[in-house]
Amino acid sequence: MTLLAPNAAREVDRAAVQHWLPQLGRWLLPPDASYGVHHTWPQLYRSDGKGRFFVVTDGDELIGHCATRIVTVHGATGPFAACLVGSVATAPARRGEGVATAVLTAALAANAGDAAHALLWAEQPGLYARLGFVPGTSEDFLLLARRPLPHQPGVRLMTVADHPAAHALHRQKPLRVERDAATMSGLLTTPGMNALVLERDGQVVAYACCGKGADLQGHWHEFGGDDADVGLLLQAGMHRLGQTDAIVLLPPWRTRLRKALGAGVIEAIPVPGPMHRSVGGELPACWIDGLDSV
């Protein structure tokens, strides 16, 4: 089988990618998904997204694809630019021909001047070592069971009027991806997601998000506020959404959240974080919330 040359890939604009969104959905999402890729990764594929797209084609037929976006990450040593890489996909009949290598090589080269660090979400990490990607730091998923809970006043669905308060809480996180208010508001209205708040004395003190398009269903993947308030909101949120169990993506800096969740935590499950490739220095400790992942 002939392998593709690294320069077989090219960058295309969003208008070109729109033509292939249904095909990308078949490659990247579960067969019964109710939401498409533009719902699942709006920061890439929605009309106001900031994605860059790299493809290999055979005529008008899509053979391979990946997408990137540049973000500012607030890490342990301060803010830095990072290239987030995702939606890596190859036509099933063309796997093993170097298609993924071609699109990733093109994407990394195109973004090289904008960020020294690239983070990649990949189901088969071994495929990307040849391009310099190394395994990420382990992250913890908490398996959470619903517990009997007295009525928790102030827990309700988020409204658009709550978006500024949620944005302010996001900005208080020590490790995060920078978002402006408009981006935050757009992400909080992602289809397929439930966003809840905890309000006290007329102020939103915590928020939490579960689900995102066809991705992260049953996962509480982003929250803001102190650990005690987030713990209350997550347990009350499970009751509100009718969940008997759920998964919580636990940021490493939330050292008191597991205790706040108490006996509801059944198990902590370590999982690999995103792979990363760094040029000119080590990747600082950082965290990518579920809303920012690609």
C-alpha atoms as a PDB file:
ATOM      1  CA  MET A   1       0.000   0.000   0.000  1.00  0.00           C
ATOM      2  CA  THR A   2       1.401   3.403  -0.974  1.00  0.00           C
ATOM      3  CA  LEU A   3       1.714   5.907   1.863  1.00  0.00           C
ATOM      4  CA  LEU A   4       0.696   9.514   1.341  1.00  0.00           C
ATOM      5  CA  ALA A   5       3.348  12.189   1.203  1.00  0.00           C
ATOM      6  CA  PRO A   6       3.256  14.563   4.209  1.00  0.00           C
ATOM      7  CA  ASN A   7       2.334  17.453   1.896  1.00  0.00           C
ATOM      8  CA  ALA A   8      -0.768  15.642   0.620  1.00  0.00           C
ATOM      9  CA  ALA A   9      -2.858  17.612   3.131  1.00  0.00           C
ATOM     10  CA  ARG A  10      -4.042  21.175   2.705  1.00  0.00           C
ATOM     11  CA  GLU A  11      -5.896  23.791   4.731  1.00  0.00           C
ATOM     12  CA  VAL A  12      -9.469  24.633   3.744  1.00  0.00           C
ATOM     13  CA  ASP A  13     -11.908  27.262   4.973  1.00  0.00           C
ATOM     14  CA  ARG A  14     -15.085  26.800   6.987  1.00  0.00           C
ATOM     15  CA  ALA A  15     -17.305  26.975   3.906  1.00  0.00           C
ATOM     16  CA  ALA A  16     -15.547  23.931   2.445  1.00  0.00           C
ATOM     17  CA  VAL A  17     -15.810  22.002   5.712  1.00  0.00           C
ATOM     18  CA  GLN A  18     -19.576  22.582   5.923  1.00  0.00           C
ATOM     19  CA  HIS A  19     -19.963  20.283   2.927  1.00  0.00           C
ATOM     20  CA  TRP A  20     -18.339  17.427   4.869  1.00  0.00           C
ATOM     21  CA  LEU A  21     -19.957  17.894   8.295  1.00  0.00           C
ATOM     22  CA  PRO A  22     -22.387  14.962   7.895  1.00  0.00           C
ATOM     23  CA  GLN A  23     -19.494  12.688   6.932  1.00  0.00           C
ATOM     24  CA  LEU A  24     -17.409  13.894   9.888  1.00  0.00           C
ATOM     25  CA  GLY A  25     -20.369  13.156  12.125  1.00  0.00           C
ATOM     26  CA  ARG A  26     -20.452   9.562  10.878  1.00  0.00           C
ATOM     27  CA  TRP A  27     -16.723   9.180  11.561  1.00  0.00           C
ATOM     28  CA  LEU A  28     -16.500  10.956  14.906  1.00  0.00           C
ATOM     29  CA  LEU A  29     -19.843  10.522  16.679  1.00  0.00           C
ATOM     30  CA  PRO A  30     -21.911   7.546  17.885  1.00  0.00           C
ATOM     31  CA  PRO A  31     -24.220   6.096  15.243  1.00  0.00           C
ATOM     32  CA  ASP A  32     -27.345   7.180  17.122  1.00  0.00           C
ATOM     33  CA  ALA A  33     -26.117  10.699  17.964  1.00  0.00           C
ATOM     34  CA  SER A  34     -28.873  13.317  18.031  1.00  0.00           C
ATOM     35  CA  TYR A  35     -26.417  16.183  17.607  1.00  0.00           C
ATOM     36  CA  GLY A  36     -23.878  16.923  14.891  1.00  0.00           C
ATOM     37  CA  VAL A  37     -20.245  18.006  15.074  1.00  0.00           C
ATOM     38  CA  HIS A  38     -21.215  21.702  14.960  1.00  0.00           C
ATOM     39  CA  HIS A  39     -23.190  21.157  18.187  1.00  0.00           C
ATOM     40  CA  THR A  40     -20.553  18.965  19.802  1.00  0.00           C
ATOM     41  CA  TRP A  41     -17.567  21.210  19.050  1.00  0.00           C
ATOM     42  CA  PRO A  42     -19.107  24.639  18.418  1.00  0.00           C
ATOM     43  CA  GLN A  43     -15.811  26.443  18.990  1.00  0.00           C
ATOM     44  CA  LEU A  44     -14.581  24.747  15.802  1.00  0.00           C
ATOM     45  CA  TYR A  45     -17.540  24.231  13.492  1.00  0.00           C
ATOM     46  CA  ARG A  46     -20.180  26.792  14.402  1.00  0.00           C
ATOM     47  CA  SER A  47     -20.316  29.898  12.200  1.00  0.00           C
ATOM     48  CA  ASP A  48     -18.738  32.013  14.943  1.00  0.00           C
ATOM     49  CA  GLY A  49     -16.066  29.420  15.783  1.00  0.00           C
ATOM     50  CA  LYS A  50     -12.350  29.979  15.330  1.00  0.00           C
ATOM     51  CA  GLY A  51     -11.283  26.640  13.918  1.00  0.00           C
ATOM     52  CA  ARG A  52      -8.713  25.915  11.228  1.00  0.00           C
ATOM     53  CA  PHE A  53      -9.266  22.820   9.121  1.00  0.00           C
ATOM     54  CA  PHE A  54      -6.840  20.479   7.358  1.00  0.00           C
ATOM     55  CA  VAL A  55      -7.907  17.768   4.952  1.00  0.00           C
ATOM     56  CA  VAL A  56      -6.781  15.112   2.530  1.00  0.00           C
ATOM     57  CA  THR A  57      -9.165  14.584  -0.362  1.00  0.00           C
ATOM     58  CA  ASP A  58      -9.543  12.398  -3.432  1.00  0.00           C
ATOM     59  CA  GLY A  59     -11.330  14.742  -5.791  1.00  0.00           C
ATOM     60  CA  ASP A  60     -14.286  15.975  -3.743  1.00  0.00           C
ATOM     61  CA  GLU A  61     -14.204  12.933  -1.462  1.00  0.00           C
ATOM     62  CA  LEU A  62     -12.927  13.572   2.070  1.00  0.00           C
ATOM     63  CA  ILE A  63     -10.220  11.079   3.056  1.00  0.00           C
ATOM     64  CA  GLY A  64      -8.814  12.633   6.229  1.00  0.00           C
ATOM     65  CA  HIS A  65      -9.381  15.624   8.494  1.00  0.00           C
ATOM     66  CA  CYS A  66      -8.254  17.403  11.626  1.00  0.00           C
ATOM     67  CA  ALA A  67      -9.085  20.766  13.188  1.00  0.00           C
ATOM     68  CA  THR A  68      -7.179  23.178  15.413  1.00  0.00           C
ATOM     69  CA  ARG A  69      -7.695  26.379  17.337  1.00  0.00           C
ATOM     70  CA  ILE A  70      -5.303  28.641  19.199  1.00  0.00           C
ATOM     71  CA  VAL A  71      -6.231  29.543  22.776  1.00  0.00           C
ATOM     72  CA  THR A  72      -4.653  31.318  25.715  1.00  0.00           C
ATOM     73  CA  VAL A  73      -4.234  28.901  28.607  1.00  0.00           C
ATOM     74  CA  HIS A  74      -3.760  30.116  32.166  1.00  0.00           C
ATOM     75  CA  GLY A  75      -1.344  27.539  33.551  1.00  0.00           C
ATOM     76  CA  ALA A  76       0.613  27.112  36.757  1.00  0.00           C
ATOM     77  CA  THR A  77       3.332  29.515  35.560  1.00  0.00           C
ATOM     78  CA  GLY A  78       1.063  32.086  33.916  1.00  0.00           C
ATOM     79  CA  PRO A  79      -0.710  32.456  30.554  1.00  0.00           C
ATOM     80  CA  PHE A  80       0.636  30.843  27.388  1.00  0.00           C
ATOM     81  CA  ALA A  81      -0.597  30.133  23.865  1.00  0.00           C
ATOM     82  CA  ALA A  82      -1.607  26.574  23.016  1.00  0.00           C
ATOM     83  CA  CYS A  83      -2.817  24.877  19.859  1.00  0.00           C
ATOM     84  CA  LEU A  84      -5.715  22.511  20.593  1.00  0.00           C
ATOM     85  CA  VAL A  85      -5.928  19.687  18.037  1.00  0.00           C
ATOM     86  CA  GLY A  86      -8.948  17.451  17.586  1.00  0.00           C
ATOM     87  CA  SER A  87     -11.439  15.805  15.236  1.00  0.00           C
ATOM     88  CA  VAL A  88      -8.679  13.668  13.725  1.00  0.00           C
ATOM     89  CA  ALA A  89     -10.456  11.245  11.397  1.00  0.00           C
ATOM     90  CA  THR A  90      -9.667   9.025   8.412  1.00  0.00           C
ATOM     91  CA  ALA A  91     -11.986   7.254   5.987  1.00  0.00           C
ATOM     92  CA  PRO A  92     -12.160   3.640   7.242  1.00  0.00           C
ATOM     93  CA  ALA A  93     -11.106   2.228   3.855  1.00  0.00           C
ATOM     94  CA  ARG A  94      -8.005   4.452   3.751  1.00  0.00           C
ATOM     95  CA  ARG A  95      -6.530   3.799   7.191  1.00  0.00           C
ATOM     96  CA  GLY A  96      -2.920   2.726   7.266  1.00  0.00           C
ATOM     97  CA  GLU A  97      -1.951   5.007   4.354  1.00  0.00           C
ATOM     98  CA  GLY A  98      -0.505   7.824   6.490  1.00  0.00           C
ATOM     99  CA  VAL A  99      -3.563  10.069   6.187  1.00  0.00           C
ATOM    100  CA  ALA A 100      -3.627  11.079   9.868  1.00  0.00           C
ATOM    101  CA  THR A 101       0.099  11.799   9.736  1.00  0.00           C
ATOM    102  CA  ALA A 102      -0.408  14.021   6.694  1.00  0.00           C
ATOM    103  CA  VAL A 103      -3.203  16.157   8.178  1.00  0.00           C
ATOM    104  CA  LEU A 104      -1.467  16.471  11.538  1.00  0.00           C
ATOM    105  CA  THR A 105       1.849  17.412   9.933  1.00  0.00           C
ATOM    106  CA  ALA A 106       0.107  20.152   7.955  1.00  0.00           C
ATOM    107  CA  ALA A 107      -1.769  21.397  11.013  1.00  0.00           C
ATOM    108  CA  LEU A 108       1.306  21.529  13.235  1.00  0.00           C
ATOM    109  CA  ALA A 109       3.303  23.353  10.577  1.00  0.00           C
ATOM    110  CA  ALA A 110       0.545  25.916  10.005  1.00  0.00           C
ATOM    111  CA  ASN A 111       0.247  26.700  13.713  1.00  0.00           C
ATOM    112  CA  ALA A 112       3.947  26.522  14.600  1.00  0.00           C
ATOM    113  CA  GLY A 113       4.393  30.293  14.726  1.00  0.00           C
ATOM    114  CA  ASP A 114       1.392  30.812  17.015  1.00  0.00           C
ATOM    115  CA  ALA A 115       1.996  28.355  19.870  1.00  0.00           C
ATOM    116  CA  ALA A 116       4.889  26.335  21.267  1.00  0.00           C
ATOM    117  CA  HIS A 117       2.532  23.762  22.805  1.00  0.00           C
ATOM    118  CA  ALA A 118      -0.014  21.535  21.066  1.00  0.00           C
ATOM    119  CA  LEU A 119      -2.582  19.411  22.911  1.00  0.00           C
ATOM    120  CA  LEU A 120      -4.257  16.499  21.162  1.00  0.00           C
ATOM    121  CA  TRP A 121      -7.310  14.463  22.140  1.00  0.00           C
ATOM    122  CA  ALA A 122      -6.685  10.953  20.812  1.00  0.00           C
ATOM    123  CA  GLU A 123      -8.209   7.527  21.429  1.00  0.00           C
ATOM    124  CA  GLN A 124      -5.082   5.683  20.237  1.00  0.00           C
ATOM    125  CA  PRO A 125      -2.092   7.604  21.665  1.00  0.00           C
ATOM    126  CA  GLY A 126       0.477   5.269  20.152  1.00  0.00           C
ATOM    127  CA  LEU A 127      -0.336   6.511  16.653  1.00  0.00           C
ATOM    128  CA  TYR A 128       0.932  10.024  17.388  1.00  0.00           C
ATOM    129  CA  ALA A 129       4.266   9.395  19.102  1.00  0.00           C
ATOM    130  CA  ARG A 130       6.063   9.598  15.742  1.00  0.00           C
ATOM    131  CA  LEU A 131       5.001  13.257  15.517  1.00  0.00           C
ATOM    132  CA  GLY A 132       6.437  14.095  18.918  1.00  0.00           C
ATOM    133  CA  PHE A 133       3.296  13.793  21.037  1.00  0.00           C
ATOM    134  CA  VAL A 134       3.745  12.344  24.518  1.00  0.00           C
ATOM    135  CA  PRO A 135       1.115  11.069  26.967  1.00  0.00           C
ATOM    136  CA  GLY A 136      -0.575  13.684  29.112  1.00  0.00           C
ATOM    137  CA  THR A 137      -0.803  13.841  32.871  1.00  0.00           C
ATOM    138  CA  SER A 138      -3.347  11.466  34.353  1.00  0.00           C
ATOM    139  CA  GLU A 139      -6.723  13.000  35.222  1.00  0.00           C
ATOM    140  CA  ASP A 140      -9.384  11.719  37.627  1.00  0.00           C
ATOM    141  CA  PHE A 141     -12.982  10.954  36.750  1.00  0.00           C
ATOM    142  CA  LEU A 142     -15.200  10.547  39.798  1.00  0.00           C
ATOM    143  CA  LEU A 143     -18.041   8.027  39.517  1.00  0.00           C
ATOM    144  CA  LEU A 144     -20.812   9.692  41.476  1.00  0.00           C
ATOM    145  CA  ALA A 145     -23.994   8.098  42.803  1.00  0.00           C
ATOM    146  CA  ARG A 146     -27.069  10.112  43.651  1.00  0.00           C
ATOM    147  CA  ARG A 147     -27.646  10.404  47.380  1.00  0.00           C
ATOM    148  CA  PRO A 148     -30.780  11.377  49.292  1.00  0.00           C
ATOM    149  CA  LEU A 149     -30.709  15.136  49.443  1.00  0.00           C
ATOM    150  CA  PRO A 150     -32.896  17.577  51.343  1.00  0.00           C
ATOM    151  CA  HIS A 151     -34.434  20.315  49.239  1.00  0.00           C
ATOM    152  CA  GLN A 152     -31.611  22.607  48.138  1.00  0.00           C
ATOM    153  CA  PRO A 153     -32.937  26.134  47.670  1.00  0.00           C
ATOM    154  CA  GLY A 154     -31.390  28.233  44.957  1.00  0.00           C
ATOM    155  CA  VAL A 155     -30.579  25.419  42.507  1.00  0.00           C
ATOM    156  CA  ARG A 156     -32.111  26.090  39.085  1.00  0.00           C
ATOM    157  CA  LEU A 157     -31.437  25.954  35.380  1.00  0.00           C
ATOM    158  CA  MET A 158     -29.097  28.645  34.109  1.00  0.00           C
ATOM    159  CA  THR A 159     -30.575  31.490  32.080  1.00  0.00           C
ATOM    160  CA  VAL A 160     -28.886  33.946  29.728  1.00  0.00           C
ATOM    161  CA  ALA A 161     -29.045  36.520  32.522  1.00  0.00           C
ATOM    162  CA  ASP A 162     -26.686  34.279  34.542  1.00  0.00           C
ATOM    163  CA  HIS A 163     -23.962  34.201  31.886  1.00  0.00           C
ATOM    164  CA  PRO A 164     -21.977  37.196  33.208  1.00  0.00           C
ATOM    165  CA  ALA A 165     -21.878  35.665  36.696  1.00  0.00           C
ATOM    166  CA  ALA A 166     -20.747  32.305  35.285  1.00  0.00           C
ATOM    167  CA  HIS A 167     -18.066  34.068  33.253  1.00  0.00           C
ATOM    168  CA  ALA A 168     -16.804  35.820  36.382  1.00  0.00           C
ATOM    169  CA  LEU A 169     -16.630  32.476  38.221  1.00  0.00           C
ATOM    170  CA  HIS A 170     -14.750  30.921  35.304  1.00  0.00           C
ATOM    171  CA  ARG A 171     -12.178  33.716  35.444  1.00  0.00           C
ATOM    172  CA  GLN A 172     -11.505  32.888  39.108  1.00  0.00           C
ATOM    173  CA  LYS A 173     -10.198  29.406  38.259  1.00  0.00           C
ATOM    174  CA  PRO A 174      -6.407  29.164  38.689  1.00  0.00           C
ATOM    175  CA  LEU A 175      -6.087  26.833  35.663  1.00  0.00           C
ATOM    176  CA  ARG A 176      -8.320  27.557  32.686  1.00  0.00           C
ATOM    177  CA  VAL A 177      -8.644  28.547  29.036  1.00  0.00           C
ATOM    178  CA  GLU A 178      -9.224  32.278  28.564  1.00  0.00           C
ATOM    179  CA  ARG A 179     -12.678  33.179  27.231  1.00  0.00           C
ATOM    180  CA  ASP A 180     -14.294  36.519  26.551  1.00  0.00           C
ATOM    181  CA  ALA A 181     -17.895  37.078  27.622  1.00  0.00           C
ATOM    182  CA  ALA A 182     -19.338  36.394  24.166  1.00  0.00           C
ATOM    183  CA  THR A 183     -17.462  33.088  23.824  1.00  0.00           C
ATOM    184  CA  MET A 184     -18.558  32.011  27.301  1.00  0.00           C
ATOM    185  CA  SER A 185     -22.180  32.826  26.516  1.00  0.00           C
ATOM    186  CA  GLY A 186     -22.033  30.902  23.250  1.00  0.00           C
ATOM    187  CA  LEU A 187     -20.571  27.823  24.922  1.00  0.00           C
ATOM    188  CA  LEU A 188     -23.148  27.894  27.719  1.00  0.00           C
ATOM    189  CA  THR A 189     -25.939  27.571  25.144  1.00  0.00           C
ATOM    190  CA  THR A 190     -24.431  24.519  23.416  1.00  0.00           C
ATOM    191  CA  PRO A 191     -27.236  22.129  22.379  1.00  0.00           C
ATOM    192  CA  GLY A 192     -27.357  18.868  24.309  1.00  0.00           C
ATOM    193  CA  MET A 193     -26.036  20.471  27.503  1.00  0.00           C
ATOM    194  CA  ASN A 194     -27.701  21.209  30.820  1.00  0.00           C
ATOM    195  CA  ALA A 195     -26.268  24.136  32.773  1.00  0.00           C
ATOM    196  CA  LEU A 196     -27.380  24.782  36.342  1.00  0.00           C
ATOM    197  CA  VAL A 197     -26.598  27.436  38.932  1.00  0.00           C
ATOM    198  CA  LEU A 198     -26.668  27.731  42.704  1.00  0.00           C
ATOM    199  CA  GLU A 199     -27.998  31.097  43.792  1.00  0.00           C
ATOM    200  CA  ARG A 200     -27.674  32.474  47.312  1.00  0.00           C
ATOM    201  CA  ASP A 201     -28.850  35.864  48.569  1.00  0.00           C
ATOM    202  CA  GLY A 202     -29.575  36.917  45.005  1.00  0.00           C
ATOM    203  CA  GLN A 203     -26.076  36.034  43.736  1.00  0.00           C
ATOM    204  CA  VAL A 204     -24.951  33.094  41.577  1.00  0.00           C
ATOM    205  CA  VAL A 205     -22.229  31.400  43.642  1.00  0.00           C
ATOM    206  CA  ALA A 206     -21.690  28.267  41.510  1.00  0.00           C
ATOM    207  CA  TYR A 207     -22.509  26.831  38.092  1.00  0.00           C
ATOM    208  CA  ALA A 208     -22.147  23.367  36.567  1.00  0.00           C
ATOM    209  CA  CYS A 209     -22.497  21.891  33.060  1.00  0.00           C
ATOM    210  CA  CYS A 210     -23.478  18.339  32.082  1.00  0.00           C
ATOM    211  CA  GLY A 211     -23.363  16.996  28.514  1.00  0.00           C
ATOM    212  CA  LYS A 212     -22.293  18.802  25.336  1.00  0.00           C
ATOM    213  CA  GLY A 213     -23.757  17.975  21.928  1.00  0.00           C
ATOM    214  CA  ALA A 214     -23.101  14.276  21.315  1.00  0.00           C
ATOM    215  CA  ASP A 215     -20.103  14.470  23.664  1.00  0.00           C
ATOM    216  CA  LEU A 216     -19.775  14.120  27.453  1.00  0.00           C
ATOM    217  CA  GLN A 217     -23.346  12.960  28.031  1.00  0.00           C
ATOM    218  CA  GLY A 218     -23.700  11.949  31.685  1.00  0.00           C
ATOM    219  CA  HIS A 219     -20.497  13.867  32.491  1.00  0.00           C
ATOM    220  CA  TRP A 220     -20.323  16.969  34.671  1.00  0.00           C
ATOM    221  CA  HIS A 221     -17.385  18.503  32.864  1.00  0.00           C
ATOM    222  CA  GLU A 222     -17.225  22.141  33.886  1.00  0.00           C
ATOM    223  CA  PHE A 223     -18.130  24.020  37.040  1.00  0.00           C
ATOM    224  CA  GLY A 224     -17.309  27.282  38.769  1.00  0.00           C
ATOM    225  CA  GLY A 225     -17.471  28.396  42.395  1.00  0.00           C
ATOM    226  CA  ASP A 226     -15.821  27.089  45.549  1.00  0.00           C
ATOM    227  CA  ASP A 227     -15.648  23.354  46.178  1.00  0.00           C
ATOM    228  CA  ALA A 228     -18.319  23.285  48.889  1.00  0.00           C
ATOM    229  CA  ASP A 229     -20.856  25.077  46.686  1.00  0.00           C
ATOM    230  CA  VAL A 230     -19.969  22.996  43.624  1.00  0.00           C
ATOM    231  CA  GLY A 231     -20.438  19.832  45.696  1.00  0.00           C
ATOM    232  CA  LEU A 232     -23.936  20.950  46.703  1.00  0.00           C
ATOM    233  CA  LEU A 233     -24.791  21.888  43.128  1.00  0.00           C
ATOM    234  CA  LEU A 234     -23.592  18.609  41.606  1.00  0.00           C
ATOM    235  CA  GLN A 235     -25.629  16.477  44.005  1.00  0.00           C
ATOM    236  CA  ALA A 236     -28.708  18.672  43.596  1.00  0.00           C
ATOM    237  CA  GLY A 237     -28.132  18.750  39.848  1.00  0.00           C
ATOM    238  CA  MET A 238     -28.254  14.963  39.624  1.00  0.00           C
ATOM    239  CA  HIS A 239     -31.692  15.055  41.272  1.00  0.00           C
ATOM    240  CA  ARG A 240     -32.774  17.859  38.964  1.00  0.00           C
ATOM    241  CA  LEU A 241     -31.728  15.903  35.838  1.00  0.00           C
ATOM    242  CA  GLY A 242     -33.028  12.541  37.097  1.00  0.00           C
ATOM    243  CA  GLN A 243     -29.556  10.950  37.178  1.00  0.00           C
ATOM    244  CA  THR A 244     -28.874   7.940  39.404  1.00  0.00           C
ATOM    245  CA  ASP A 245     -25.165   8.087  38.599  1.00  0.00           C
ATOM    246  CA  ALA A 246     -22.845  10.405  36.734  1.00  0.00           C
ATOM    247  CA  ILE A 247     -19.191  11.110  36.029  1.00  0.00           C
ATOM    248  CA  VAL A 248     -17.408  14.213  37.282  1.00  0.00           C
ATOM    249  CA  LEU A 249     -14.241  15.429  35.529  1.00  0.00           C
ATOM    250  CA  LEU A 250     -12.130  16.506  38.501  1.00  0.00           C
ATOM    251  CA  PRO A 251      -9.696  19.391  37.926  1.00  0.00           C
ATOM    252  CA  PRO A 252      -6.433  18.810  39.826  1.00  0.00           C
ATOM    253  CA  TRP A 253      -6.677  22.097  41.680  1.00  0.00           C
ATOM    254  CA  ARG A 254     -10.057  21.229  43.217  1.00  0.00           C
ATOM    255  CA  THR A 255      -8.508  19.465  46.188  1.00  0.00           C
ATOM    256  CA  ARG A 256     -11.611  19.670  48.415  1.00  0.00           C
ATOM    257  CA  LEU A 257     -14.342  18.730  45.967  1.00  0.00           C
ATOM    258  CA  ARG A 258     -14.158  14.977  46.522  1.00  0.00           C
ATOM    259  CA  LYS A 259     -14.640  15.493  50.249  1.00  0.00           C
ATOM    260  CA  ALA A 260     -17.538  17.883  49.553  1.00  0.00           C
ATOM    261  CA  LEU A 261     -19.244  15.168  47.478  1.00  0.00           C
ATOM    262  CA  GLY A 262     -18.933  12.790  50.420  1.00  0.00           C
ATOM    263  CA  ALA A 263     -20.352   9.282  50.245  1.00  0.00           C
ATOM    264  CA  GLY A 264     -21.694   9.925  46.763  1.00  0.00           C
ATOM    265  CA  VAL A 265     -18.245   9.214  45.320  1.00  0.00           C
ATOM    266  CA  ILE A 266     -18.135   5.514  44.438  1.00  0.00           C
ATOM    267  CA  GLU A 267     -14.761   5.436  42.712  1.00  0.00           C
ATOM    268  CA  ALA A 268     -12.010   7.643  41.314  1.00  0.00           C
ATOM    269  CA  ILE A 269     -10.965   6.487  37.844  1.00  0.00           C
ATOM    270  CA  PRO A 270      -7.611   7.725  36.491  1.00  0.00           C
ATOM    271  CA  VAL A 271      -7.629   8.414  32.752  1.00  0.00           C
ATOM    272  CA  PRO A 272      -4.958   9.852  30.443  1.00  0.00           C
ATOM    273  CA  GLY A 273      -5.187  13.571  29.797  1.00  0.00           C
ATOM    274  CA  PRO A 274      -4.701  15.036  26.318  1.00  0.00           C
ATOM    275  CA  MET A 275      -1.390  14.220  24.650  1.00  0.00           C
ATOM    276  CA  HIS A 276       0.943  17.144  24.137  1.00  0.00           C
ATOM    277  CA  ARG A 277       3.802  18.227  21.928  1.00  0.00           C
ATOM    278  CA  SER A 278       6.052  21.055  23.069  1.00  0.00           C
ATOM    279  CA  VAL A 279       8.797  22.936  21.269  1.00  0.00           C
ATOM    280  CA  GLY A 280      11.274  24.948  23.316  1.00  0.00           C
ATOM    281  CA  GLY A 281      10.148  24.014  26.828  1.00  0.00           C
ATOM    282  CA  GLU A 282       7.986  21.775  28.995  1.00  0.00           C
ATOM    283  CA  LEU A 283       4.221  22.105  29.017  1.00  0.00           C
ATOM    284  CA  PRO A 284       3.200  23.974  32.200  1.00  0.00           C
ATOM    285  CA  ALA A 285       0.611  22.355  34.443  1.00  0.00           C
ATOM    286  CA  CYS A 286      -2.780  23.272  33.006  1.00  0.00           C
ATOM    287  CA  TRP A 287      -6.406  22.167  32.740  1.00  0.00           C
ATOM    288  CA  ILE A 288      -8.771  22.165  29.788  1.00  0.00           C
ATOM    289  CA  ASP A 289     -12.449  22.234  30.790  1.00  0.00           C
ATOM    290  CA  GLY A 290     -14.865  20.084  28.835  1.00  0.00           C
ATOM    291  CA  LEU A 291     -16.378  23.099  27.102  1.00  0.00           C
ATOM    292  CA  ASP A 292     -12.957  23.946  25.663  1.00  0.00           C
ATOM    293  CA  SER A 293     -11.952  20.443  24.578  1.00  0.00           C
ATOM    294  CA  VAL A 294     -11.877  19.643  20.865  1.00  0.00           C
END
